[in-house]
Amino acid sequence: MVGFTEHKEELDALGIRVVAASVDPIDKAKEVAAETNFPIGYGVTREDADKLGSWWEERRQIIQPSEFVLKGDNSIVNSSYSDGPLVRLQPSEVIGMVNHLDKMAAQK
């Protein structure tokens, strides 16, 4: 998440907004949010994970990483589901994807 904070100017220039959510209670989410420059939701439940189609880990009672890139109309352009910290979307990939989509839209 810190990587997205480090790319704030590039993301802002493209109109990209970042949000995150966690199973953490509000006090812990505030600690994490203090290290970023975007909102962090809290209290994600198994029901929330099910709505997203995400994997809920019973042992630790957590939602595994679920990432979405949405267009302005809130339709999903890209989604990524992980069962751990590897192979998660990176800011440079999101920036590249949005630049590509903008270029394709301009060619229509």
Protein backbone atom coordinates (compact mmCIF):
# COMPACT_ATOMS: atom_id res chain seq x y z
CA MET A 1 0.00 0.00 0.00
CA VAL A 2 2.90 2.31 0.66
CA GLY A 3 3.85 2.02 -3.02
CA PHE A 4 0.58 3.68 -3.97
CA THR A 5 1.33 6.49 -1.54
CA GLU A 6 4.74 6.96 -3.19
CA HIS A 7 3.07 7.34 -6.62
CA LYS A 8 0.37 9.77 -5.47
CA GLU A 9 1.23 12.54 -7.96
CA GLU A 10 1.12 10.19 -10.96
CA LEU A 11 -2.10 8.57 -9.76
CA ASP A 12 -3.73 11.95 -9.10
CA ALA A 13 -2.72 13.21 -12.55
CA LEU A 14 -4.61 10.29 -14.12
CA GLY A 15 -7.62 10.69 -11.84
CA ILE A 16 -6.89 7.41 -10.07
CA ARG A 17 -8.23 7.14 -6.53
CA VAL A 18 -7.03 4.45 -4.16
CA VAL A 19 -8.99 2.97 -1.28
CA ALA A 20 -8.36 -0.08 0.89
CA ALA A 21 -10.24 -2.16 3.43
CA SER A 22 -9.21 -4.49 6.20
CA VAL A 23 -10.63 -6.83 8.84
CA ASP A 24 -8.85 -4.68 11.42
CA PRO A 25 -10.83 -2.67 13.96
CA ILE A 26 -10.97 1.10 13.47
CA ASP A 27 -8.00 1.89 15.75
CA LYS A 28 -5.65 -0.43 13.81
CA ALA A 29 -7.01 0.80 10.45
CA LYS A 30 -6.24 4.37 11.55
CA GLU A 31 -2.64 3.34 12.27
CA VAL A 32 -2.29 1.90 8.77
CA ALA A 33 -4.03 4.91 7.20
CA ALA A 34 -1.53 7.21 8.91
CA GLU A 35 1.18 5.65 6.69
CA THR A 36 -0.80 6.20 3.48
CA ASN A 37 -2.61 9.04 1.74
CA PHE A 38 -5.83 7.22 0.99
CA PRO A 39 -8.79 5.95 2.99
CA ILE A 40 -8.64 2.60 4.77
CA GLY A 41 -11.91 0.90 5.58
CA TYR A 42 -12.17 -1.40 8.57
CA GLY A 43 -14.15 -4.31 9.92
CA VAL A 44 -14.42 -6.38 6.72
CA THR A 45 -16.45 -9.51 7.44
CA ARG A 46 -16.79 -12.93 5.88
CA GLU A 47 -20.04 -11.69 4.34
CA ASP A 48 -18.15 -8.80 2.70
CA ALA A 49 -15.55 -11.24 1.36
CA ASP A 50 -18.29 -13.42 -0.08
CA LYS A 51 -19.85 -10.43 -1.86
CA LEU A 52 -16.49 -9.68 -3.47
CA GLY A 53 -15.88 -13.30 -4.38
CA SER A 54 -12.75 -13.19 -2.23
CA TRP A 55 -11.12 -15.96 -0.31
CA TRP A 56 -11.78 -15.85 3.43
CA GLU A 57 -9.13 -17.52 5.53
CA GLU A 58 -10.87 -19.28 8.41
CA ARG A 59 -7.76 -19.89 10.51
CA ARG A 60 -6.88 -16.18 10.86
CA GLN A 61 -10.36 -14.81 10.13
CA ILE A 62 -9.08 -12.50 7.38
CA ILE A 63 -9.91 -11.65 3.80
CA GLN A 64 -7.09 -12.39 1.40
CA PRO A 65 -6.01 -9.62 -1.01
CA SER A 66 -8.67 -8.65 -3.53
CA GLU A 67 -7.83 -5.78 -5.87
CA PHE A 68 -10.01 -4.00 -8.39
CA VAL A 69 -9.46 -1.32 -11.01
CA LEU A 70 -12.72 0.46 -11.82
CA LYS A 71 -13.63 2.86 -14.59
CA GLY A 72 -15.44 6.11 -13.88
CA ASP A 73 -18.78 4.34 -14.28
CA ASN A 74 -17.69 1.81 -11.59
CA SER A 75 -17.44 -1.09 -14.02
CA ILE A 76 -14.53 -3.42 -13.30
CA VAL A 77 -11.61 -3.20 -15.73
CA ASN A 78 -9.30 -5.56 -13.85
CA SER A 79 -9.50 -7.73 -10.75
CA SER A 80 -6.91 -9.70 -8.87
CA TYR A 81 -7.44 -12.23 -6.10
CA SER A 82 -4.52 -13.57 -4.09
CA ASP A 83 -4.03 -15.99 -1.26
CA GLY A 84 -0.97 -14.19 0.04
CA PRO A 85 1.23 -11.14 -0.36
CA LEU A 86 2.75 -12.10 -3.73
CA VAL A 87 1.57 -11.13 -7.22
CA ARG A 88 -0.38 -8.09 -6.13
CA LEU A 89 -1.07 -5.09 -8.35
CA GLN A 90 1.72 -2.54 -8.31
CA PRO A 91 1.22 1.21 -8.82
CA SER A 92 3.24 1.19 -12.04
CA GLU A 93 1.00 -1.55 -13.45
CA VAL A 94 -2.16 0.37 -12.61
CA ILE A 95 -0.71 3.55 -14.13
CA GLY A 96 0.30 1.65 -17.28
CA MET A 97 -3.13 0.03 -17.54
CA VAL A 98 -4.95 3.34 -17.20
CA ASN A 99 -2.65 5.01 -19.74
CA HIS A 100 -3.29 2.15 -22.17
CA LEU A 101 -7.06 2.30 -21.66
CA ASP A 102 -7.04 6.08 -22.15
CA LYS A 103 -5.02 5.68 -25.36
CA MET A 104 -7.42 3.03 -26.67
CA ALA A 105 -10.44 5.21 -25.85
CA ALA A 106 -8.87 8.17 -27.69
CA GLN A 107 -8.45 6.03 -30.82
CA LYS A 108 -12.15 5.22 -31.05
